[in-house]
Amino acid sequence: MADLLNPENGLPKALRADLVAIGMWTMREVGEVLSTPERSLAALIEVNTSIRDGLR
């Protein structure tokens, strides 16, 4: 995320903002899963699968 927040990053500003938002959500969700073990990993798996598939 540090690279995305760097003003010298060549990606369009809107795309960088969207990626930072996804990163922040992911970090919050991981924190919730770690603090609440019964919480499902399904949302994290779905988002990461979508990102992986989009990069192919």
C-alpha atoms as a PDB file:
ATOM      1  CA  MET A   1       0.000   0.000   0.000  1.00  0.00           C
ATOM      2  CA  ALA A   2       2.948   2.300   0.605  1.00  0.00           C
ATOM      3  CA  ASP A   3       3.808   2.125  -3.089  1.00  0.00           C
ATOM      4  CA  LEU A   4       0.216   2.923  -4.048  1.00  0.00           C
ATOM      5  CA  LEU A   5       0.258   5.995  -1.792  1.00  0.00           C
ATOM      6  CA  ASN A   6       3.480   7.274  -3.346  1.00  0.00           C
ATOM      7  CA  PRO A   7       2.648  10.245  -5.635  1.00  0.00           C
ATOM      8  CA  GLU A   8       5.281   8.981  -8.109  1.00  0.00           C
ATOM      9  CA  ASN A   9       3.338   5.752  -8.677  1.00  0.00           C
ATOM     10  CA  GLY A  10       2.404   5.626 -12.370  1.00  0.00           C
ATOM     11  CA  LEU A  11      -1.039   4.098 -11.959  1.00  0.00           C
ATOM     12  CA  PRO A  12      -4.068   6.344 -12.356  1.00  0.00           C
ATOM     13  CA  LYS A  13      -5.027   8.045  -9.099  1.00  0.00           C
ATOM     14  CA  ALA A  14      -8.518   6.497  -9.003  1.00  0.00           C
ATOM     15  CA  LEU A  15      -7.139   2.974  -9.483  1.00  0.00           C
ATOM     16  CA  ARG A  16      -4.574   3.528  -6.743  1.00  0.00           C
ATOM     17  CA  ALA A  17      -7.309   4.740  -4.399  1.00  0.00           C
ATOM     18  CA  ASP A  18      -9.438   1.667  -5.161  1.00  0.00           C
ATOM     19  CA  LEU A  19      -6.507  -0.670  -4.522  1.00  0.00           C
ATOM     20  CA  VAL A  20      -5.689   1.077  -1.238  1.00  0.00           C
ATOM     21  CA  ALA A  21      -9.328   0.709  -0.177  1.00  0.00           C
ATOM     22  CA  ILE A  22      -9.190  -3.033  -0.926  1.00  0.00           C
ATOM     23  CA  GLY A  23      -5.951  -3.305   1.042  1.00  0.00           C
ATOM     24  CA  MET A  24      -7.423  -1.489   4.028  1.00  0.00           C
ATOM     25  CA  TRP A  25     -10.537  -3.678   3.988  1.00  0.00           C
ATOM     26  CA  THR A  26      -8.356  -6.789   3.796  1.00  0.00           C
ATOM     27  CA  MET A  27      -6.270  -5.700   6.774  1.00  0.00           C
ATOM     28  CA  ARG A  28      -9.393  -4.963   8.844  1.00  0.00           C
ATOM     29  CA  GLU A  29     -10.987  -8.264   7.850  1.00  0.00           C
ATOM     30  CA  VAL A  30      -7.842 -10.240   8.746  1.00  0.00           C
ATOM     31  CA  GLY A  31      -7.814  -8.512  12.140  1.00  0.00           C
ATOM     32  CA  GLU A  32     -11.432  -9.514  12.685  1.00  0.00           C
ATOM     33  CA  VAL A  33     -10.748 -13.128  11.709  1.00  0.00           C
ATOM     34  CA  LEU A  34      -7.728 -13.298  14.020  1.00  0.00           C
ATOM     35  CA  SER A  35      -9.653 -11.870  16.964  1.00  0.00           C
ATOM     36  CA  THR A  36     -12.792 -13.929  16.300  1.00  0.00           C
ATOM     37  CA  PRO A  37     -11.677 -17.448  15.298  1.00  0.00           C
ATOM     38  CA  GLU A  38     -15.226 -18.586  14.494  1.00  0.00           C
ATOM     39  CA  ARG A  39     -15.488 -15.854  11.856  1.00  0.00           C
ATOM     40  CA  SER A  40     -15.510 -17.210   8.308  1.00  0.00           C
ATOM     41  CA  LEU A  41     -12.621 -16.733   5.910  1.00  0.00           C
ATOM     42  CA  ALA A  42     -15.041 -16.825   2.970  1.00  0.00           C
ATOM     43  CA  ALA A  43     -14.977 -13.084   2.226  1.00  0.00           C
ATOM     44  CA  LEU A  44     -11.171 -12.943   2.253  1.00  0.00           C
ATOM     45  CA  ILE A  45     -10.947 -15.997   0.031  1.00  0.00           C
ATOM     46  CA  GLU A  46     -13.493 -14.583  -2.416  1.00  0.00           C
ATOM     47  CA  VAL A  47     -11.777 -11.200  -2.712  1.00  0.00           C
ATOM     48  CA  ASN A  48      -8.320 -12.711  -3.113  1.00  0.00           C
ATOM     49  CA  THR A  49      -9.600 -15.203  -5.682  1.00  0.00           C
ATOM     50  CA  SER A  50     -11.188 -12.365  -7.665  1.00  0.00           C
ATOM     51  CA  ILE A  51      -7.952 -10.377  -7.576  1.00  0.00           C
ATOM     52  CA  ARG A  52      -5.932 -13.415  -8.648  1.00  0.00           C
ATOM     53  CA  ASP A  53      -8.294 -14.155 -11.511  1.00  0.00           C
ATOM     54  CA  GLY A  54      -8.246 -10.519 -12.618  1.00  0.00           C
ATOM     55  CA  LEU A  55      -4.453 -10.566 -12.831  1.00  0.00           C
ATOM     56  CA  ARG A  56      -4.393 -13.539 -15.184  1.00  0.00           C
END
